[in-house]
Amino acid sequence: MKGLLMNAVETGETLEMIYLSNKGEISQRRIKVLNINEGSIKAYCYTKRQFRTFKLDNILSIVPFRQHRRGA
């Protein structure tokens, strides 16, 4: 996961993740990673349209974002 995050910082690639909030809520987010810290990442969240900090331990899944094509 760290390699994917570091690559996304360098390339500006958009990622899609499944995230568990501190309240126990699961959400799907599209993000652009800006910075990686010891236990968290700073990112722009396209879903919420805000800059956010996400705990690495709360990321359940993260993959490169692929736009879904209809009819394919």
PDB file of N, CA and C in Angstrom:
ATOM      1  N   MET A   1       0.830  -1.196   0.000  1.00  0.00           N
ATOM      2  CA  MET A   1       0.000   0.000   0.000  1.00  0.00           C
ATOM      3  C   MET A   1       0.872   1.257   0.000  1.00  0.00           C
ATOM      4  N   LYS A   2       1.943   1.242   0.799  1.00  0.00           N
ATOM      5  CA  LYS A   2       2.798   2.434   0.872  1.00  0.00           C
ATOM      6  C   LYS A   2       3.394   2.781  -0.482  1.00  0.00           C
ATOM      7  N   GLY A   3       3.783   1.744  -1.252  1.00  0.00           N
ATOM      8  CA  GLY A   3       4.349   1.970  -2.577  1.00  0.00           C
ATOM      9  C   GLY A   3       3.343   2.633  -3.499  1.00  0.00           C
ATOM     10  N   LEU A   4       2.108   2.190  -3.448  1.00  0.00           N
ATOM     11  CA  LEU A   4       1.043   2.774  -4.263  1.00  0.00           C
ATOM     12  C   LEU A   4       0.820   4.233  -3.877  1.00  0.00           C
ATOM     13  N   LEU A   5       0.812   4.517  -2.580  1.00  0.00           N
ATOM     14  CA  LEU A   5       0.612   5.889  -2.104  1.00  0.00           C
ATOM     15  C   LEU A   5       1.769   6.792  -2.515  1.00  0.00           C
ATOM     16  N   MET A   6       3.001   6.308  -2.373  1.00  0.00           N
ATOM     17  CA  MET A   6       4.163   7.116  -2.740  1.00  0.00           C
ATOM     18  C   MET A   6       4.176   7.389  -4.243  1.00  0.00           C
ATOM     19  N   ASN A   7       3.819   6.390  -5.033  1.00  0.00           N
ATOM     20  CA  ASN A   7       3.738   6.569  -6.483  1.00  0.00           C
ATOM     21  C   ASN A   7       2.664   7.591  -6.842  1.00  0.00           C
ATOM     22  N   ALA A   8       1.543   7.560  -6.134  1.00  0.00           N
ATOM     23  CA  ALA A   8       0.450   8.497  -6.408  1.00  0.00           C
ATOM     24  C   ALA A   8       0.854   9.932  -6.080  1.00  0.00           C
ATOM     25  N   VAL A   9       1.685  10.114  -5.052  1.00  0.00           N
ATOM     26  CA  VAL A   9       2.181  11.462  -4.719  1.00  0.00           C
ATOM     27  C   VAL A   9       3.027  11.983  -5.876  1.00  0.00           C
ATOM     28  N   GLU A  10       3.892  11.127  -6.402  1.00  0.00           N
ATOM     29  CA  GLU A  10       4.802  11.528  -7.479  1.00  0.00           C
ATOM     30  C   GLU A  10       4.078  11.789  -8.796  1.00  0.00           C
ATOM     31  N   THR A  11       3.103  10.949  -9.134  1.00  0.00           N
ATOM     32  CA  THR A  11       2.442  11.042 -10.437  1.00  0.00           C
ATOM     33  C   THR A  11       1.166  11.874 -10.426  1.00  0.00           C
ATOM     34  N   GLY A  12       0.597  12.100  -9.229  1.00  0.00           N
ATOM     35  CA  GLY A  12      -0.672  12.827  -9.154  1.00  0.00           C
ATOM     36  C   GLY A  12      -1.867  11.956  -9.510  1.00  0.00           C
ATOM     37  N   GLU A  13      -1.647  10.644  -9.540  1.00  0.00           N
ATOM     38  CA  GLU A  13      -2.707   9.704  -9.903  1.00  0.00           C
ATOM     39  C   GLU A  13      -3.840   9.728  -8.873  1.00  0.00           C
ATOM     40  N   THR A  14      -5.059   9.640  -9.356  1.00  0.00           N
ATOM     41  CA  THR A  14      -6.229   9.564  -8.487  1.00  0.00           C
ATOM     42  C   THR A  14      -6.401   8.124  -8.016  1.00  0.00           C
ATOM     43  N   LEU A  15      -6.695   7.972  -6.732  1.00  0.00           N
ATOM     44  CA  LEU A  15      -6.913   6.650  -6.145  1.00  0.00           C
ATOM     45  C   LEU A  15      -8.345   6.535  -5.643  1.00  0.00           C
ATOM     46  N   GLU A  16      -8.792   5.310  -5.534  1.00  0.00           N
ATOM     47  CA  GLU A  16     -10.115   5.033  -4.982  1.00  0.00           C
ATOM     48  C   GLU A  16      -9.916   4.158  -3.751  1.00  0.00           C
ATOM     49  N   MET A  17     -10.520   4.546  -2.651  1.00  0.00           N
ATOM     50  CA  MET A  17     -10.316   3.770  -1.428  1.00  0.00           C
ATOM     51  C   MET A  17     -11.626   3.524  -0.700  1.00  0.00           C
ATOM     52  N   ILE A  18     -11.585   2.485   0.104  1.00  0.00           N
ATOM     53  CA  ILE A  18     -12.654   2.182   1.052  1.00  0.00           C
ATOM     54  C   ILE A  18     -12.070   2.550   2.411  1.00  0.00           C
ATOM     55  N   TYR A  19     -12.775   3.407   3.145  1.00  0.00           N
ATOM     56  CA  TYR A  19     -12.238   3.975   4.388  1.00  0.00           C
ATOM     57  C   TYR A  19     -13.204   3.769   5.543  1.00  0.00           C
ATOM     58  N   LEU A  20     -12.643   3.435   6.691  1.00  0.00           N
ATOM     59  CA  LEU A  20     -13.411   3.260   7.922  1.00  0.00           C
ATOM     60  C   LEU A  20     -13.178   4.470   8.817  1.00  0.00           C
ATOM     61  N   SER A  21     -14.223   5.241   9.073  1.00  0.00           N
ATOM     62  CA  SER A  21     -14.082   6.438   9.905  1.00  0.00           C
ATOM     63  C   SER A  21     -13.928   6.056  11.368  1.00  0.00           C
ATOM     64  N   ASN A  22     -13.540   7.033  12.171  1.00  0.00           N
ATOM     65  CA  ASN A  22     -13.413   6.796  13.612  1.00  0.00           C
ATOM     66  C   ASN A  22     -14.756   6.459  14.250  1.00  0.00           C
ATOM     67  N   LYS A  23     -15.846   6.820  13.586  1.00  0.00           N
ATOM     68  CA  LYS A  23     -17.194   6.522  14.086  1.00  0.00           C
ATOM     69  C   LYS A  23     -17.671   5.141  13.636  1.00  0.00           C
ATOM     70  N   GLY A  24     -16.833   4.430  12.865  1.00  0.00           N
ATOM     71  CA  GLY A  24     -17.200   3.099  12.399  1.00  0.00           C
ATOM     72  C   GLY A  24     -17.967   3.089  11.094  1.00  0.00           C
ATOM     73  N   GLU A  25     -18.022   4.222  10.419  1.00  0.00           N
ATOM     74  CA  GLU A  25     -18.739   4.310   9.146  1.00  0.00           C
ATOM     75  C   GLU A  25     -17.784   4.006   7.995  1.00  0.00           C
ATOM     76  N   ILE A  26     -18.252   3.200   7.046  1.00  0.00           N
ATOM     77  CA  ILE A  26     -17.456   2.850   5.878  1.00  0.00           C
ATOM     78  C   ILE A  26     -17.900   3.713   4.704  1.00  0.00           C
ATOM     79  N   SER A  27     -16.905   4.276   3.980  1.00  0.00           N
ATOM     80  CA  SER A  27     -17.217   5.099   2.820  1.00  0.00           C
ATOM     81  C   SER A  27     -16.249   4.791   1.690  1.00  0.00           C
ATOM     82  N   GLN A  28     -16.697   5.077   0.487  1.00  0.00           N
ATOM     83  CA  GLN A  28     -15.850   4.932  -0.697  1.00  0.00           C
ATOM     84  C   GLN A  28     -15.456   6.339  -1.131  1.00  0.00           C
ATOM     85  N   ARG A  29     -14.155   6.563  -1.335  1.00  0.00           N
ATOM     86  CA  ARG A  29     -13.647   7.897  -1.648  1.00  0.00           C
ATOM     87  C   ARG A  29     -12.744   7.871  -2.868  1.00  0.00           C
ATOM     88  N   ARG A  30     -12.761   8.970  -3.623  1.00  0.00           N
ATOM     89  CA  ARG A  30     -11.774   9.207  -4.682  1.00  0.00           C
ATOM     90  C   ARG A  30     -10.865  10.293  -4.151  1.00  0.00           C
ATOM     91  N   ILE A  31      -9.550  10.028  -4.142  1.00  0.00           N
ATOM     92  CA  ILE A  31      -8.620  10.982  -3.543  1.00  0.00           C
ATOM     93  C   ILE A  31      -7.400  11.223  -4.424  1.00  0.00           C
ATOM     94  N   LYS A  32      -6.768  12.361  -4.173  1.00  0.00           N
ATOM     95  CA  LYS A  32      -5.460  12.675  -4.738  1.00  0.00           C
ATOM     96  C   LYS A  32      -4.531  12.858  -3.543  1.00  0.00           C
ATOM     97  N   VAL A  33      -3.545  11.969  -3.406  1.00  0.00           N
ATOM     98  CA  VAL A  33      -2.639  11.996  -2.255  1.00  0.00           C
ATOM     99  C   VAL A  33      -1.648  13.137  -2.418  1.00  0.00           C
ATOM    100  N   LEU A  34      -1.535  13.968  -1.380  1.00  0.00           N
ATOM    101  CA  LEU A  34      -0.634  15.116  -1.408  1.00  0.00           C
ATOM    102  C   LEU A  34       0.627  14.886  -0.586  1.00  0.00           C
ATOM    103  N   ASN A  35       0.481  14.153   0.527  1.00  0.00           N
ATOM    104  CA  ASN A  35       1.592  13.980   1.447  1.00  0.00           C
ATOM    105  C   ASN A  35       1.368  12.723   2.278  1.00  0.00           C
ATOM    106  N   ILE A  36       2.464  12.018   2.571  1.00  0.00           N
ATOM    107  CA  ILE A  36       2.386  10.822   3.414  1.00  0.00           C
ATOM    108  C   ILE A  36       3.162  11.098   4.692  1.00  0.00           C
ATOM    109  N   ASN A  37       2.516  10.887   5.835  1.00  0.00           N
ATOM    110  CA  ASN A  37       3.148  11.060   7.138  1.00  0.00           C
ATOM    111  C   ASN A  37       3.320   9.690   7.793  1.00  0.00           C
ATOM    112  N   GLU A  38       3.778   9.681   9.021  1.00  0.00           N
ATOM    113  CA  GLU A  38       4.032   8.430   9.742  1.00  0.00           C
ATOM    114  C   GLU A  38       2.825   7.497   9.741  1.00  0.00           C
ATOM    115  N   GLY A  39       1.683   7.973  10.181  1.00  0.00           N
ATOM    116  CA  GLY A  39       0.507   7.108  10.278  1.00  0.00           C
ATOM    117  C   GLY A  39      -0.691   7.626   9.525  1.00  0.00           C
ATOM    118  N   SER A  40      -0.482   8.600   8.640  1.00  0.00           N
ATOM    119  CA  SER A  40      -1.619   9.184   7.933  1.00  0.00           C
ATOM    120  C   SER A  40      -1.189   9.724   6.570  1.00  0.00           C
ATOM    121  N   ILE A  41      -2.188  10.055   5.770  1.00  0.00           N
ATOM    122  CA  ILE A  41      -1.940  10.725   4.494  1.00  0.00           C
ATOM    123  C   ILE A  41      -2.790  11.986   4.446  1.00  0.00           C
ATOM    124  N   LYS A  42      -2.271  12.994   3.785  1.00  0.00           N
ATOM    125  CA  LYS A  42      -3.057  14.186   3.484  1.00  0.00           C
ATOM    126  C   LYS A  42      -3.441  14.091   2.025  1.00  0.00           C
ATOM    127  N   ALA A  43      -4.706  14.340   1.752  1.00  0.00           N
ATOM    128  CA  ALA A  43      -5.198  14.157   0.394  1.00  0.00           C
ATOM    129  C   ALA A  43      -6.348  15.114   0.110  1.00  0.00           C
ATOM    130  N   TYR A  44      -6.565  15.341  -1.188  1.00  0.00           N
ATOM    131  CA  TYR A  44      -7.776  16.042  -1.592  1.00  0.00           C
ATOM    132  C   TYR A  44      -8.813  14.966  -1.871  1.00  0.00           C
ATOM    133  N   CYS A  45      -9.963  15.073  -1.228  1.00  0.00           N
ATOM    134  CA  CYS A  45     -11.044  14.106  -1.403  1.00  0.00           C
ATOM    135  C   CYS A  45     -12.039  14.673  -2.412  1.00  0.00           C
ATOM    136  N   TYR A  46     -12.101  14.051  -3.592  1.00  0.00           N
ATOM    137  CA  TYR A  46     -13.032  14.498  -4.626  1.00  0.00           C
ATOM    138  C   TYR A  46     -14.471  14.238  -4.209  1.00  0.00           C
ATOM    139  N   THR A  47     -14.680  13.217  -3.397  1.00  0.00           N
ATOM    140  CA  THR A  47     -16.025  12.869  -2.950  1.00  0.00           C
ATOM    141  C   THR A  47     -16.610  13.969  -2.067  1.00  0.00           C
ATOM    142  N   LYS A  48     -15.824  14.451  -1.115  1.00  0.00           N
ATOM    143  CA  LYS A  48     -16.281  15.496  -0.189  1.00  0.00           C
ATOM    144  C   LYS A  48     -15.906  16.907  -0.654  1.00  0.00           C
ATOM    145  N   ARG A  49     -15.045  16.979  -1.690  1.00  0.00           N
ATOM    146  CA  ARG A  49     -14.558  18.259  -2.223  1.00  0.00           C
ATOM    147  C   ARG A  49     -13.851  19.089  -1.154  1.00  0.00           C
ATOM    148  N   GLN A  50     -12.999  18.394  -0.377  1.00  0.00           N
ATOM    149  CA  GLN A  50     -12.246  19.037   0.701  1.00  0.00           C
ATOM    150  C   GLN A  50     -10.906  18.347   0.877  1.00  0.00           C
ATOM    151  N   PHE A  51      -9.951  19.071   1.464  1.00  0.00           N
ATOM    152  CA  PHE A  51      -8.698  18.460   1.868  1.00  0.00           C
ATOM    153  C   PHE A  51      -8.964  17.701   3.152  1.00  0.00           C
ATOM    154  N   ARG A  52      -8.446  16.465   3.219  1.00  0.00           N
ATOM    155  CA  ARG A  52      -8.698  15.614   4.369  1.00  0.00           C
ATOM    156  C   ARG A  52      -7.420  14.901   4.793  1.00  0.00           C
ATOM    157  N   THR A  53      -7.386  14.478   6.051  1.00  0.00           N
ATOM    158  CA  THR A  53      -6.324  13.621   6.561  1.00  0.00           C
ATOM    159  C   THR A  53      -6.937  12.269   6.862  1.00  0.00           C
ATOM    160  N   PHE A  54      -6.315  11.215   6.351  1.00  0.00           N
ATOM    161  CA  PHE A  54      -6.816   9.855   6.541  1.00  0.00           C
ATOM    162  C   PHE A  54      -5.780   9.031   7.283  1.00  0.00           C
ATOM    163  N   LYS A  55      -6.219   8.281   8.295  1.00  0.00           N
ATOM    164  CA  LYS A  55      -5.320   7.387   9.036  1.00  0.00           C
ATOM    165  C   LYS A  55      -5.051   6.157   8.174  1.00  0.00           C
ATOM    166  N   LEU A  56      -3.774   5.794   8.062  1.00  0.00           N
ATOM    167  CA  LEU A  56      -3.403   4.625   7.270  1.00  0.00           C
ATOM    168  C   LEU A  56      -4.067   3.360   7.803  1.00  0.00           C
ATOM    169  N   ASP A  57      -4.182   3.234   9.112  1.00  0.00           N
ATOM    170  CA  ASP A  57      -4.796   2.042   9.716  1.00  0.00           C
ATOM    171  C   ASP A  57      -6.279   1.906   9.377  1.00  0.00           C
ATOM    172  N   ASN A  58      -6.920   3.000   8.972  1.00  0.00           N
ATOM    173  CA  ASN A  58      -8.352   2.972   8.675  1.00  0.00           C
ATOM    174  C   ASN A  58      -8.655   2.764   7.192  1.00  0.00           C
ATOM    175  N   ILE A  59      -7.617   2.677   6.369  1.00  0.00           N
ATOM    176  CA  ILE A  59      -7.823   2.413   4.942  1.00  0.00           C
ATOM    177  C   ILE A  59      -8.011   0.914   4.775  1.00  0.00           C
ATOM    178  N   LEU A  60      -9.201   0.511   4.349  1.00  0.00           N
ATOM    179  CA  LEU A  60      -9.518  -0.904   4.196  1.00  0.00           C
ATOM    180  C   LEU A  60      -9.052  -1.435   2.843  1.00  0.00           C
ATOM    181  N   SER A  61      -9.119  -0.586   1.811  1.00  0.00           N
ATOM    182  CA  SER A  61      -8.725  -0.977   0.462  1.00  0.00           C
ATOM    183  C   SER A  61      -8.371   0.284  -0.312  1.00  0.00           C
ATOM    184  N   ILE A  62      -7.351   0.195  -1.182  1.00  0.00           N
ATOM    185  CA  ILE A  62      -7.001   1.339  -2.004  1.00  0.00           C
ATOM    186  C   ILE A  62      -6.423   0.843  -3.328  1.00  0.00           C
ATOM    187  N   VAL A  63      -6.935   1.392  -4.427  1.00  0.00           N
ATOM    188  CA  VAL A  63      -6.521   0.994  -5.773  1.00  0.00           C
ATOM    189  C   VAL A  63      -6.506   2.224  -6.672  1.00  0.00           C
ATOM    190  N   PRO A  64      -5.797   2.146  -7.798  1.00  0.00           N
ATOM    191  CA  PRO A  64      -5.872   3.253  -8.762  1.00  0.00           C
ATOM    192  C   PRO A  64      -7.307   3.410  -9.249  1.00  0.00           C
ATOM    193  N   PHE A  65      -7.729   4.658  -9.445  1.00  0.00           N
ATOM    194  CA  PHE A  65      -9.099   4.941  -9.885  1.00  0.00           C
ATOM    195  C   PHE A  65      -9.223   4.647 -11.368  1.00  0.00           C
ATOM    196  N   ARG A  66     -10.217   3.886 -11.712  1.00  0.00           N
ATOM    197  CA  ARG A  66     -10.543   3.596 -13.107  1.00  0.00           C
ATOM    198  C   ARG A  66     -11.966   4.033 -13.354  1.00  0.00           C
ATOM    199  N   GLN A  67     -12.149   4.897 -14.333  1.00  0.00           N
ATOM    200  CA  GLN A  67     -13.514   5.325 -14.636  1.00  0.00           C
ATOM    201  C   GLN A  67     -14.277   4.148 -15.196  1.00  0.00           C
ATOM    202  N   HIS A  68     -15.488   4.000 -14.731  1.00  0.00           N
ATOM    203  CA  HIS A  68     -16.334   2.892 -15.177  1.00  0.00           C
ATOM    204  C   HIS A  68     -17.011   3.282 -16.478  1.00  0.00           C
ATOM    205  N   ARG A  69     -16.860   2.414 -17.485  1.00  0.00           N
ATOM    206  CA  ARG A  69     -17.493   2.705 -18.758  1.00  0.00           C
ATOM    207  C   ARG A  69     -18.835   1.996 -18.819  1.00  0.00           C
ATOM    208  N   ARG A  70     -19.832   2.689 -19.277  1.00  0.00           N
ATOM    209  CA  ARG A  70     -21.159   2.080 -19.401  1.00  0.00           C
ATOM    210  C   ARG A  70     -21.231   1.234 -20.660  1.00  0.00           C
ATOM    211  N   GLY A  71     -21.890   0.123 -20.532  1.00  0.00           N
ATOM    212  CA  GLY A  71     -22.078  -0.752 -21.677  1.00  0.00           C
ATOM    213  C   GLY A  71     -20.863  -1.596 -22.027  1.00  0.00           C
ATOM    214  N   ALA A  72     -19.852  -1.557 -21.192  1.00  0.00           N
ATOM    215  CA  ALA A  72     -18.649  -2.363 -21.500  1.00  0.00           C
ATOM    216  C   ALA A  72     -18.673  -3.671 -20.757  1.00  0.00           C
TER     217      ALA A  72
END
